[in-house]
Structures are given as structure tokens and as C-alpha cells.
Amino acid sequence: MPVIKWTVSASNDLRSIDAWLSDRAGPDVAVRILTAIRFRADFLRNFPHGGRPSPGGIRVLRVSETPHLILYRLADDVVEILRVRHEREDWLVEP
């Protein structure tokens, strides 16, 4: 079973999402969305190829019932979460 590794950029994305949602939608909504993101990332332990392929060896997994996408890469026995983006953002990942 692969290990889930969150990059600094992905962790920063979670903090930004939390701050934005807490401010504009309320803390309850922020907790619900962040829980959904973490739950969906955990899905990759059992189904690392669950996301659709994207250029550059990156895969994209939609977070159910949210507008968020998890961008990740597979390496040996590691699922590396690169970014968490809103579907309307320019979510190209820097190399």
C-alpha cells in the first residue's frame, strides 16, 4: 500500500483553502471541504491510479461534491500530492 506524501505546496494549498472558506463560507464549511479533500487523498492508498492521467506524469483526482482537484504523482510506493486546486483555477503544476 503506497504512502501518501503531501508536498509543502499542497499543504499551503490546504491552508489557503481553509482560510478562504472560513472567511467567506464559515468554519463548518471549511471543515467539511478539508475533510473531503483529505478523505479523497486517502482513497489513493488503495487506488493510486484512480485519477486521470495528465501531461508530465501528473494525475488529477476530483474531490467528490466539491470543486477541488488533487494533483499528484506516483513514485515507487509513494503517492506525492503536489497541489490541491479549485477546478476554475489555472492548475498547471510547476516542475
C-alpha atoms as a PDB file:
ATOM      1  CA  MET A   1       0.000   0.000   0.000  1.00  0.00           C
ATOM      2  CA  PRO A   2       1.536   3.347  -1.025  1.00  0.00           C
ATOM      3  CA  VAL A   3       2.376   6.104   1.414  1.00  0.00           C
ATOM      4  CA  ILE A   4       0.699   9.497   0.938  1.00  0.00           C
ATOM      5  CA  LYS A   5       3.200  12.366   0.983  1.00  0.00           C
ATOM      6  CA  TRP A   6       1.965  15.971   0.953  1.00  0.00           C
ATOM      7  CA  THR A   7       4.355  18.500  -0.579  1.00  0.00           C
ATOM      8  CA  VAL A   8       4.833  21.903   1.032  1.00  0.00           C
ATOM      9  CA  SER A   9       2.873  23.453  -1.849  1.00  0.00           C
ATOM     10  CA  ALA A  10      -0.058  21.086  -1.292  1.00  0.00           C
ATOM     11  CA  SER A  11      -0.037  21.769   2.462  1.00  0.00           C
ATOM     12  CA  ASN A  12      -0.006  25.504   1.727  1.00  0.00           C
ATOM     13  CA  ASP A  13      -2.938  24.996  -0.635  1.00  0.00           C
ATOM     14  CA  LEU A  14      -4.909  23.364   2.199  1.00  0.00           C
ATOM     15  CA  ARG A  15      -4.146  26.297   4.500  1.00  0.00           C
ATOM     16  CA  SER A  16      -5.256  28.775   1.826  1.00  0.00           C
ATOM     17  CA  ILE A  17      -8.465  26.855   1.154  1.00  0.00           C
ATOM     18  CA  ASP A  18      -9.172  26.737   4.893  1.00  0.00           C
ATOM     19  CA  ALA A  19      -8.586  30.469   5.329  1.00  0.00           C
ATOM     20  CA  TRP A  20     -10.671  31.426   2.296  1.00  0.00           C
ATOM     21  CA  LEU A  21     -13.606  29.169   3.195  1.00  0.00           C
ATOM     22  CA  SER A  22     -13.522  30.076   6.896  1.00  0.00           C
ATOM     23  CA  ASP A  23     -13.688  33.750   6.000  1.00  0.00           C
ATOM     24  CA  ARG A  24     -16.326  33.570   3.271  1.00  0.00           C
ATOM     25  CA  ALA A  25     -18.434  30.473   3.974  1.00  0.00           C
ATOM     26  CA  GLY A  26     -17.803  29.777   7.643  1.00  0.00           C
ATOM     27  CA  PRO A  27     -15.710  27.332   9.658  1.00  0.00           C
ATOM     28  CA  ASP A  28     -18.215  24.480   9.303  1.00  0.00           C
ATOM     29  CA  VAL A  29     -17.962  24.598   5.518  1.00  0.00           C
ATOM     30  CA  ALA A  30     -14.154  24.803   5.702  1.00  0.00           C
ATOM     31  CA  VAL A  31     -14.003  21.699   7.914  1.00  0.00           C
ATOM     32  CA  ARG A  32     -16.367  19.802   5.602  1.00  0.00           C
ATOM     33  CA  ILE A  33     -14.372  20.631   2.464  1.00  0.00           C
ATOM     34  CA  LEU A  34     -10.962  19.949   4.031  1.00  0.00           C
ATOM     35  CA  THR A  35     -12.238  16.633   5.414  1.00  0.00           C
ATOM     36  CA  ALA A  36     -13.463  15.694   1.932  1.00  0.00           C
ATOM     37  CA  ILE A  37     -10.077  16.583   0.418  1.00  0.00           C
ATOM     38  CA  ARG A  38      -8.148  14.506   2.952  1.00  0.00           C
ATOM     39  CA  PHE A  39     -10.591  11.595   2.626  1.00  0.00           C
ATOM     40  CA  ARG A  40     -10.238  11.636  -1.161  1.00  0.00           C
ATOM     41  CA  ALA A  41      -6.434  11.781  -0.917  1.00  0.00           C
ATOM     42  CA  ASP A  42      -6.571   8.743   1.384  1.00  0.00           C
ATOM     43  CA  PHE A  43      -8.504   6.922  -1.384  1.00  0.00           C
ATOM     44  CA  LEU A  44      -5.213   6.923  -3.321  1.00  0.00           C
ATOM     45  CA  ARG A  45      -3.659   4.472  -0.825  1.00  0.00           C
ATOM     46  CA  ASN A  46      -5.827   1.714  -2.279  1.00  0.00           C
ATOM     47  CA  PHE A  47      -6.310   3.117  -5.771  1.00  0.00           C
ATOM     48  CA  PRO A  48      -3.183   5.089  -6.726  1.00  0.00           C
ATOM     49  CA  HIS A  49      -4.201   5.111 -10.386  1.00  0.00           C
ATOM     50  CA  GLY A  50      -7.672   6.428  -9.508  1.00  0.00           C
ATOM     51  CA  GLY A  51      -7.057   9.854 -11.004  1.00  0.00           C
ATOM     52  CA  ARG A  52      -6.960  10.622 -14.700  1.00  0.00           C
ATOM     53  CA  PRO A  53      -3.557  10.964 -16.373  1.00  0.00           C
ATOM     54  CA  SER A  54      -2.362  14.452 -17.266  1.00  0.00           C
ATOM     55  CA  PRO A  55       0.779  15.661 -19.085  1.00  0.00           C
ATOM     56  CA  GLY A  56       4.122  15.319 -17.357  1.00  0.00           C
ATOM     57  CA  GLY A  57       3.323  12.177 -15.370  1.00  0.00           C
ATOM     58  CA  ILE A  58       0.833  14.026 -13.172  1.00  0.00           C
ATOM     59  CA  ARG A  59      -2.545  12.582 -12.313  1.00  0.00           C
ATOM     60  CA  VAL A  60      -5.693  14.523 -11.390  1.00  0.00           C
ATOM     61  CA  LEU A  61      -8.304  13.300  -8.934  1.00  0.00           C
ATOM     62  CA  ARG A  62     -11.591  15.137  -8.416  1.00  0.00           C
ATOM     63  CA  VAL A  63     -12.742  15.595  -4.818  1.00  0.00           C
ATOM     64  CA  SER A  64     -16.349  14.430  -4.769  1.00  0.00           C
ATOM     65  CA  GLU A  65     -19.043  17.033  -4.103  1.00  0.00           C
ATOM     66  CA  THR A  66     -16.511  19.893  -4.167  1.00  0.00           C
ATOM     67  CA  PRO A  67     -14.935  21.975  -6.933  1.00  0.00           C
ATOM     68  CA  HIS A  68     -11.442  20.828  -5.895  1.00  0.00           C
ATOM     69  CA  LEU A  69      -8.877  18.714  -7.694  1.00  0.00           C
ATOM     70  CA  ILE A  70      -5.924  16.823  -6.228  1.00  0.00           C
ATOM     71  CA  LEU A  71      -2.852  16.855  -8.469  1.00  0.00           C
ATOM     72  CA  TYR A  72      -0.447  14.055  -7.674  1.00  0.00           C
ATOM     73  CA  ARG A  73       2.418  11.943  -8.952  1.00  0.00           C
ATOM     74  CA  LEU A  74       3.250   8.270  -8.397  1.00  0.00           C
ATOM     75  CA  ALA A  75       6.772   7.236  -7.482  1.00  0.00           C
ATOM     76  CA  ASP A  76       7.560   3.671  -6.391  1.00  0.00           C
ATOM     77  CA  ASP A  77       5.463   3.155  -3.262  1.00  0.00           C
ATOM     78  CA  VAL A  78       4.627   6.847  -2.743  1.00  0.00           C
ATOM     79  CA  VAL A  79       1.696   8.972  -3.829  1.00  0.00           C
ATOM     80  CA  GLU A  80       3.049  12.520  -3.814  1.00  0.00           C
ATOM     81  CA  ILE A  81       0.288  15.126  -3.511  1.00  0.00           C
ATOM     82  CA  LEU A  82       1.612  18.099  -5.478  1.00  0.00           C
ATOM     83  CA  ARG A  83      -1.220  20.630  -5.293  1.00  0.00           C
ATOM     84  CA  VAL A  84      -4.887  20.991  -4.371  1.00  0.00           C
ATOM     85  CA  ARG A  85      -6.639  23.353  -6.742  1.00  0.00           C
ATOM     86  CA  HIS A  86     -10.096  24.719  -7.451  1.00  0.00           C
ATOM     87  CA  GLU A  87     -11.329  23.431 -10.810  1.00  0.00           C
ATOM     88  CA  ARG A  88     -11.628  27.002 -12.131  1.00  0.00           C
ATOM     89  CA  GLU A  89      -8.025  27.911 -11.290  1.00  0.00           C
ATOM     90  CA  ASP A  90      -5.118  27.694 -13.673  1.00  0.00           C
ATOM     91  CA  TRP A  91      -3.828  24.488 -12.108  1.00  0.00           C
ATOM     92  CA  LEU A  92      -0.742  23.803 -14.146  1.00  0.00           C
ATOM     93  CA  VAL A  93       1.907  22.402 -11.843  1.00  0.00           C
ATOM     94  CA  GLU A  94       5.343  23.911 -11.828  1.00  0.00           C
ATOM     95  CA  PRO A  95       8.149  21.374 -12.491  1.00  0.00           C
END
